[in-house]
Amino acid sequence: MIYGAVISEHYRRPRNQGALESPDAVHEGFNPLCGDRLRMEVKIEGGRIAAARFRGDACMVAIAAASLLTDFVRGLSIAEAAAFPREQLLAALEAPLRPSRLGCATLPLEVLRAALRERL
């Protein structure tokens, strides 16, 4: 296993992958260094994240990070989700990442923040 159990599991069986019906916030991002493309869609109810889903063409690390992140932000306020700590997401992957892979791991968070910016 190159990246460890958590990344492998979330890559093989990603949570919250796919589209939302009538999302309230949407953004698509691209990592030019590796070619990852990711779209995040968020449903907001009562000022909180009711659901977050993702889709795209991305590497193992980015898919796993998106899978974890969509679970982490459910139930958070928009501001809390937008401020979700990068370090917490990286720690949840439970694997040391080369510097060249950090952009892959943080792409979902950058895309989520961009989607939520207009809602803050």
C-alpha atoms as a PDB file:
ATOM      1  CA  MET A   1       0.000   0.000   0.000  1.00  0.00           C
ATOM      2  CA  ILE A   2       1.581   3.235  -1.132  1.00  0.00           C
ATOM      3  CA  TYR A   3      -0.478   5.648   0.960  1.00  0.00           C
ATOM      4  CA  GLY A   4      -1.900   3.593   3.809  1.00  0.00           C
ATOM      5  CA  ALA A   5      -5.239   2.136   4.790  1.00  0.00           C
ATOM      6  CA  VAL A   6      -7.309   5.318   5.100  1.00  0.00           C
ATOM      7  CA  ILE A   7      -6.418   6.676   1.664  1.00  0.00           C
ATOM      8  CA  SER A   8      -6.831   3.256   0.055  1.00  0.00           C
ATOM      9  CA  GLU A   9     -10.242   2.702   1.662  1.00  0.00           C
ATOM     10  CA  HIS A  10     -11.615   6.138   0.753  1.00  0.00           C
ATOM     11  CA  TYR A  11     -10.277   5.833  -2.788  1.00  0.00           C
ATOM     12  CA  ARG A  12     -11.806   2.392  -3.328  1.00  0.00           C
ATOM     13  CA  ARG A  13     -15.082   3.253  -1.609  1.00  0.00           C
ATOM     14  CA  PRO A  14     -15.432   7.048  -1.602  1.00  0.00           C
ATOM     15  CA  ARG A  15     -18.168   8.545   0.529  1.00  0.00           C
ATOM     16  CA  ASN A  16     -20.456  11.248  -0.850  1.00  0.00           C
ATOM     17  CA  GLN A  17     -19.323  10.911  -4.446  1.00  0.00           C
ATOM     18  CA  GLY A  18     -21.715  12.149  -7.100  1.00  0.00           C
ATOM     19  CA  ALA A  19     -24.028  15.078  -7.693  1.00  0.00           C
ATOM     20  CA  LEU A  20     -26.544  16.781  -5.430  1.00  0.00           C
ATOM     21  CA  GLU A  21     -29.981  17.700  -6.662  1.00  0.00           C
ATOM     22  CA  SER A  22     -30.259  21.516  -6.591  1.00  0.00           C
ATOM     23  CA  PRO A  23     -27.030  22.349  -4.709  1.00  0.00           C
ATOM     24  CA  ASP A  24     -26.813  25.751  -3.001  1.00  0.00           C
ATOM     25  CA  ALA A  25     -23.082  26.191  -3.590  1.00  0.00           C
ATOM     26  CA  VAL A  26     -20.907  24.721  -6.341  1.00  0.00           C
ATOM     27  CA  HIS A  27     -17.329  25.155  -7.434  1.00  0.00           C
ATOM     28  CA  GLU A  28     -14.898  23.262  -9.615  1.00  0.00           C
ATOM     29  CA  GLY A  29     -11.157  23.402  -9.156  1.00  0.00           C
ATOM     30  CA  PHE A  30      -8.120  22.161 -10.987  1.00  0.00           C
ATOM     31  CA  ASN A  31      -4.595  21.327  -9.861  1.00  0.00           C
ATOM     32  CA  PRO A  32      -2.359  22.214 -12.821  1.00  0.00           C
ATOM     33  CA  LEU A  33       0.611  20.368 -11.295  1.00  0.00           C
ATOM     34  CA  CYS A  34      -0.979  16.937 -11.517  1.00  0.00           C
ATOM     35  CA  GLY A  35      -4.143  17.408 -13.562  1.00  0.00           C
ATOM     36  CA  ASP A  36      -6.665  16.691 -10.790  1.00  0.00           C
ATOM     37  CA  ARG A  37     -10.083  18.226 -11.455  1.00  0.00           C
ATOM     38  CA  LEU A  38     -12.664  18.242  -8.673  1.00  0.00           C
ATOM     39  CA  ARG A  39     -16.177  19.645  -8.274  1.00  0.00           C
ATOM     40  CA  MET A  40     -17.759  20.184  -4.863  1.00  0.00           C
ATOM     41  CA  GLU A  41     -21.509  20.642  -4.392  1.00  0.00           C
ATOM     42  CA  VAL A  42     -23.070  21.714  -1.101  1.00  0.00           C
ATOM     43  CA  LYS A  43     -26.636  21.782   0.199  1.00  0.00           C
ATOM     44  CA  ILE A  44     -27.237  24.363   2.932  1.00  0.00           C
ATOM     45  CA  GLU A  45     -30.176  24.289   5.353  1.00  0.00           C
ATOM     46  CA  GLY A  46     -30.574  26.703   8.244  1.00  0.00           C
ATOM     47  CA  GLY A  47     -27.075  28.103   7.734  1.00  0.00           C
ATOM     48  CA  ARG A  48     -25.476  24.665   8.084  1.00  0.00           C
ATOM     49  CA  ILE A  49     -24.040  22.146   5.651  1.00  0.00           C
ATOM     50  CA  ALA A  50     -26.799  19.581   5.170  1.00  0.00           C
ATOM     51  CA  ALA A  51     -24.894  17.623   2.523  1.00  0.00           C
ATOM     52  CA  ALA A  52     -21.656  17.856   0.574  1.00  0.00           C
ATOM     53  CA  ARG A  53     -20.777  15.754  -2.463  1.00  0.00           C
ATOM     54  CA  PHE A  54     -17.930  15.690  -4.922  1.00  0.00           C
ATOM     55  CA  ARG A  55     -17.049  14.344  -8.324  1.00  0.00           C
ATOM     56  CA  GLY A  56     -14.200  14.649 -10.724  1.00  0.00           C
ATOM     57  CA  ASP A  57     -11.172  13.100 -12.292  1.00  0.00           C
ATOM     58  CA  ALA A  58      -8.516  13.050  -9.608  1.00  0.00           C
ATOM     59  CA  CYS A  59      -5.772  10.959  -8.065  1.00  0.00           C
ATOM     60  CA  MET A  60      -6.049   8.604  -5.130  1.00  0.00           C
ATOM     61  CA  VAL A  61      -5.028  11.247  -2.564  1.00  0.00           C
ATOM     62  CA  ALA A  62      -7.478  13.901  -3.810  1.00  0.00           C
ATOM     63  CA  ILE A  63     -10.394  11.433  -3.937  1.00  0.00           C
ATOM     64  CA  ALA A  64      -9.669  10.204  -0.410  1.00  0.00           C
ATOM     65  CA  ALA A  65      -9.358  13.767   0.917  1.00  0.00           C
ATOM     66  CA  ALA A  66     -12.646  14.784  -0.751  1.00  0.00           C
ATOM     67  CA  SER A  67     -14.372  11.720   0.690  1.00  0.00           C
ATOM     68  CA  LEU A  68     -13.176  12.521   4.205  1.00  0.00           C
ATOM     69  CA  LEU A  69     -13.869  16.244   3.914  1.00  0.00           C
ATOM     70  CA  THR A  70     -17.471  15.805   2.786  1.00  0.00           C
ATOM     71  CA  ASP A  71     -18.125  13.765   5.933  1.00  0.00           C
ATOM     72  CA  PHE A  72     -16.294  16.224   8.210  1.00  0.00           C
ATOM     73  CA  VAL A  73     -18.220  19.319   7.132  1.00  0.00           C
ATOM     74  CA  ARG A  74     -21.737  17.886   7.367  1.00  0.00           C
ATOM     75  CA  GLY A  75     -23.540  19.711  10.171  1.00  0.00           C
ATOM     76  CA  LEU A  76     -21.034  22.569  10.389  1.00  0.00           C
ATOM     77  CA  SER A  77     -22.025  26.185   9.871  1.00  0.00           C
ATOM     78  CA  ILE A  78     -20.941  27.751   6.597  1.00  0.00           C
ATOM     79  CA  ALA A  79     -18.223  29.715   8.409  1.00  0.00           C
ATOM     80  CA  GLU A  80     -16.978  26.624  10.267  1.00  0.00           C
ATOM     81  CA  ALA A  81     -16.834  24.606   7.049  1.00  0.00           C
ATOM     82  CA  ALA A  82     -15.011  27.411   5.219  1.00  0.00           C
ATOM     83  CA  ALA A  83     -12.477  27.558   8.051  1.00  0.00           C
ATOM     84  CA  PHE A  84     -12.018  23.784   8.322  1.00  0.00           C
ATOM     85  CA  PRO A  85      -8.368  23.276   9.312  1.00  0.00           C
ATOM     86  CA  ARG A  86      -6.068  22.062   6.560  1.00  0.00           C
ATOM     87  CA  GLU A  87      -3.990  20.267   9.193  1.00  0.00           C
ATOM     88  CA  GLN A  88      -7.020  18.296  10.398  1.00  0.00           C
ATOM     89  CA  LEU A  89      -7.737  17.074   6.879  1.00  0.00           C
ATOM     90  CA  LEU A  90      -4.089  16.117   6.313  1.00  0.00           C
ATOM     91  CA  ALA A  91      -3.935  14.308   9.678  1.00  0.00           C
ATOM     92  CA  ALA A  92      -7.120  12.360   8.864  1.00  0.00           C
ATOM     93  CA  LEU A  93      -5.422  10.848   5.812  1.00  0.00           C
ATOM     94  CA  GLU A  94      -3.066   9.074   8.253  1.00  0.00           C
ATOM     95  CA  ALA A  95      -0.194   8.945   5.773  1.00  0.00           C
ATOM     96  CA  PRO A  96       2.939  10.968   5.206  1.00  0.00           C
ATOM     97  CA  LEU A  97       2.661  12.821   1.915  1.00  0.00           C
ATOM     98  CA  ARG A  98       5.462  14.068  -0.278  1.00  0.00           C
ATOM     99  CA  PRO A  99       5.393  17.835  -0.814  1.00  0.00           C
ATOM    100  CA  SER A 100       4.279  17.222  -4.397  1.00  0.00           C
ATOM    101  CA  ARG A 101       1.138  15.470  -3.084  1.00  0.00           C
ATOM    102  CA  LEU A 102       0.064  18.148  -0.586  1.00  0.00           C
ATOM    103  CA  GLY A 103      -1.732  20.049  -3.354  1.00  0.00           C
ATOM    104  CA  CYS A 104      -3.690  16.900  -4.180  1.00  0.00           C
ATOM    105  CA  ALA A 105      -4.746  16.482  -0.556  1.00  0.00           C
ATOM    106  CA  THR A 106      -5.789  20.120  -0.122  1.00  0.00           C
ATOM    107  CA  LEU A 107      -7.553  20.587  -3.484  1.00  0.00           C
ATOM    108  CA  PRO A 108     -10.946  19.470  -2.067  1.00  0.00           C
ATOM    109  CA  LEU A 109     -10.654  21.997   0.775  1.00  0.00           C
ATOM    110  CA  GLU A 110      -9.712  24.819  -1.612  1.00  0.00           C
ATOM    111  CA  VAL A 111     -12.658  23.962  -3.862  1.00  0.00           C
ATOM    112  CA  LEU A 112     -15.056  23.758  -0.906  1.00  0.00           C
ATOM    113  CA  ARG A 113     -13.879  27.136   0.405  1.00  0.00           C
ATOM    114  CA  ALA A 114     -14.380  28.692  -3.036  1.00  0.00           C
ATOM    115  CA  ALA A 115     -17.901  27.250  -3.219  1.00  0.00           C
ATOM    116  CA  LEU A 116     -18.765  28.678   0.196  1.00  0.00           C
ATOM    117  CA  ARG A 117     -17.143  32.108  -0.296  1.00  0.00           C
ATOM    118  CA  GLU A 118     -20.241  33.621  -1.876  1.00  0.00           C
ATOM    119  CA  ARG A 119     -22.370  32.290   1.002  1.00  0.00           C
ATOM    120  CA  LEU A 120     -20.377  33.923   3.811  1.00  0.00           C
END
